[in-house]
N, C-alpha and C. Protein backbone atom coordinates (compact mmCIF):
# COMPACT_ATOMS: atom_id res chain seq x y z
N UNK A 1 -17.53 6.32 5.42
CA UNK A 1 -17.71 5.53 4.22
C UNK A 1 -17.29 6.37 3.00
N UNK A 2 -16.62 5.74 2.09
CA UNK A 2 -16.15 6.40 0.87
C UNK A 2 -16.65 5.62 -0.33
N UNK A 3 -16.83 6.31 -1.44
CA UNK A 3 -17.27 5.65 -2.66
C UNK A 3 -16.11 4.86 -3.26
N UNK A 4 -16.46 3.84 -4.03
CA UNK A 4 -15.42 3.03 -4.66
C UNK A 4 -14.59 3.84 -5.64
N UNK A 5 -15.19 4.84 -6.28
CA UNK A 5 -14.45 5.69 -7.21
C UNK A 5 -13.35 6.44 -6.46
N UNK A 6 -13.65 6.96 -5.28
CA UNK A 6 -12.66 7.68 -4.49
C UNK A 6 -11.54 6.74 -4.03
N UNK A 7 -11.90 5.54 -3.61
CA UNK A 7 -10.91 4.55 -3.17
C UNK A 7 -10.02 4.15 -4.35
N UNK A 8 -10.62 3.94 -5.52
CA UNK A 8 -9.86 3.55 -6.70
C UNK A 8 -8.86 4.64 -7.07
N UNK A 9 -9.28 5.90 -7.07
CA UNK A 9 -8.38 7.00 -7.39
C UNK A 9 -7.24 7.09 -6.38
N UNK A 10 -7.54 6.84 -5.14
CA UNK A 10 -6.53 6.86 -4.10
C UNK A 10 -5.50 5.76 -4.33
N UNK A 11 -5.96 4.56 -4.68
CA UNK A 11 -5.05 3.44 -4.92
C UNK A 11 -4.21 3.64 -6.18
N UNK A 12 -4.75 4.32 -7.18
CA UNK A 12 -3.99 4.57 -8.39
C UNK A 12 -2.76 5.45 -8.12
N UNK A 13 -2.82 6.28 -7.09
CA UNK A 13 -1.69 7.14 -6.73
C UNK A 13 -0.65 6.43 -5.88
N UNK A 14 -0.97 5.27 -5.36
CA UNK A 14 -0.06 4.54 -4.50
C UNK A 14 1.12 4.00 -5.30
N UNK A 15 2.32 4.18 -4.77
CA UNK A 15 3.53 3.68 -5.41
C UNK A 15 4.22 2.72 -4.45
N UNK A 16 4.61 1.55 -4.97
CA UNK A 16 5.31 0.56 -4.15
C UNK A 16 6.64 0.24 -4.82
N UNK A 17 7.70 0.33 -4.05
CA UNK A 17 9.03 -0.04 -4.52
C UNK A 17 9.47 -1.26 -3.72
N UNK A 18 9.95 -2.29 -4.42
CA UNK A 18 10.44 -3.49 -3.74
C UNK A 18 11.96 -3.46 -3.78
N UNK A 19 12.56 -3.49 -2.60
CA UNK A 19 14.01 -3.47 -2.47
C UNK A 19 14.46 -4.86 -2.06
N UNK A 20 15.28 -5.50 -2.90
CA UNK A 20 15.79 -6.83 -2.60
C UNK A 20 17.11 -6.71 -1.85
N UNK A 21 17.15 -7.28 -0.66
CA UNK A 21 18.33 -7.22 0.18
C UNK A 21 19.32 -8.32 -0.22
N UNK A 22 20.52 -8.23 0.29
CA UNK A 22 21.54 -9.25 -0.03
C UNK A 22 21.14 -10.63 0.44
N UNK A 23 20.43 -10.71 1.55
CA UNK A 23 20.01 -12.02 2.06
C UNK A 23 18.70 -12.48 1.41
N UNK A 24 18.34 -11.88 0.29
CA UNK A 24 17.17 -12.22 -0.53
C UNK A 24 15.85 -11.88 0.14
N UNK A 25 15.90 -11.12 1.21
CA UNK A 25 14.67 -10.64 1.83
C UNK A 25 14.16 -9.45 1.03
N UNK A 26 12.86 -9.21 1.09
CA UNK A 26 12.25 -8.09 0.38
C UNK A 26 11.84 -7.02 1.38
N UNK A 27 12.03 -5.77 0.98
CA UNK A 27 11.55 -4.65 1.77
C UNK A 27 10.65 -3.82 0.87
N UNK A 28 9.44 -3.57 1.33
CA UNK A 28 8.47 -2.81 0.55
C UNK A 28 8.48 -1.37 1.02
N UNK A 29 8.60 -0.44 0.08
CA UNK A 29 8.62 0.98 0.38
C UNK A 29 7.41 1.60 -0.31
N UNK A 30 6.51 2.15 0.49
CA UNK A 30 5.28 2.74 -0.03
C UNK A 30 5.41 4.25 -0.08
N UNK A 31 4.87 4.86 -1.14
CA UNK A 31 4.90 6.31 -1.28
C UNK A 31 3.57 6.78 -1.89
N UNK A 32 3.30 8.05 -1.73
CA UNK A 32 2.10 8.68 -2.29
C UNK A 32 0.81 8.05 -1.77
N UNK A 33 0.80 7.69 -0.51
CA UNK A 33 -0.44 7.14 0.01
C UNK A 33 -1.06 8.09 1.00
N UNK A 34 -2.37 7.93 1.15
CA UNK A 34 -3.13 8.77 2.07
C UNK A 34 -3.76 7.89 3.14
N UNK A 35 -4.65 8.43 3.90
CA UNK A 35 -5.24 7.70 5.03
C UNK A 35 -5.99 6.44 4.59
N UNK A 36 -6.66 6.51 3.45
CA UNK A 36 -7.40 5.33 2.97
C UNK A 36 -6.44 4.20 2.63
N UNK A 37 -5.36 4.51 1.93
CA UNK A 37 -4.39 3.47 1.60
C UNK A 37 -3.74 2.89 2.85
N UNK A 38 -3.50 3.73 3.84
CA UNK A 38 -2.94 3.25 5.09
C UNK A 38 -3.86 2.23 5.74
N UNK A 39 -5.15 2.52 5.76
CA UNK A 39 -6.12 1.57 6.33
C UNK A 39 -6.16 0.27 5.55
N UNK A 40 -6.13 0.34 4.24
CA UNK A 40 -6.16 -0.86 3.39
C UNK A 40 -4.91 -1.71 3.64
N UNK A 41 -3.75 -1.07 3.69
CA UNK A 41 -2.51 -1.82 3.92
C UNK A 41 -2.47 -2.44 5.31
N UNK A 42 -3.00 -1.77 6.31
CA UNK A 42 -3.05 -2.34 7.65
C UNK A 42 -3.96 -3.57 7.69
N UNK A 43 -5.10 -3.50 7.01
CA UNK A 43 -6.02 -4.64 6.99
C UNK A 43 -5.38 -5.82 6.26
N UNK A 44 -4.67 -5.55 5.18
CA UNK A 44 -3.99 -6.61 4.45
C UNK A 44 -2.96 -7.28 5.32
N UNK A 45 -2.20 -6.50 6.08
CA UNK A 45 -1.18 -7.06 6.96
C UNK A 45 -1.76 -7.90 8.08
N UNK A 46 -2.94 -7.54 8.54
CA UNK A 46 -3.58 -8.28 9.62
C UNK A 46 -4.09 -9.63 9.14
N UNK A 47 -4.48 -9.74 7.88
CA UNK A 47 -5.04 -10.98 7.35
C UNK A 47 -3.97 -12.01 7.04
N UNK A 48 -2.76 -11.56 6.70
CA UNK A 48 -1.73 -12.52 6.31
C UNK A 48 -0.96 -13.02 7.49
């Protein structure tokens, strides 16, 4: 378990770049993430 302050600081460091392909598809490129951000992004992907 982590405090919300620690999670918030971790998310503030997360960088997302959206690359638009020629066929209008989007590719998301994530940088500066740690284990907490990885878990959050995996959970988000599972819900959608």
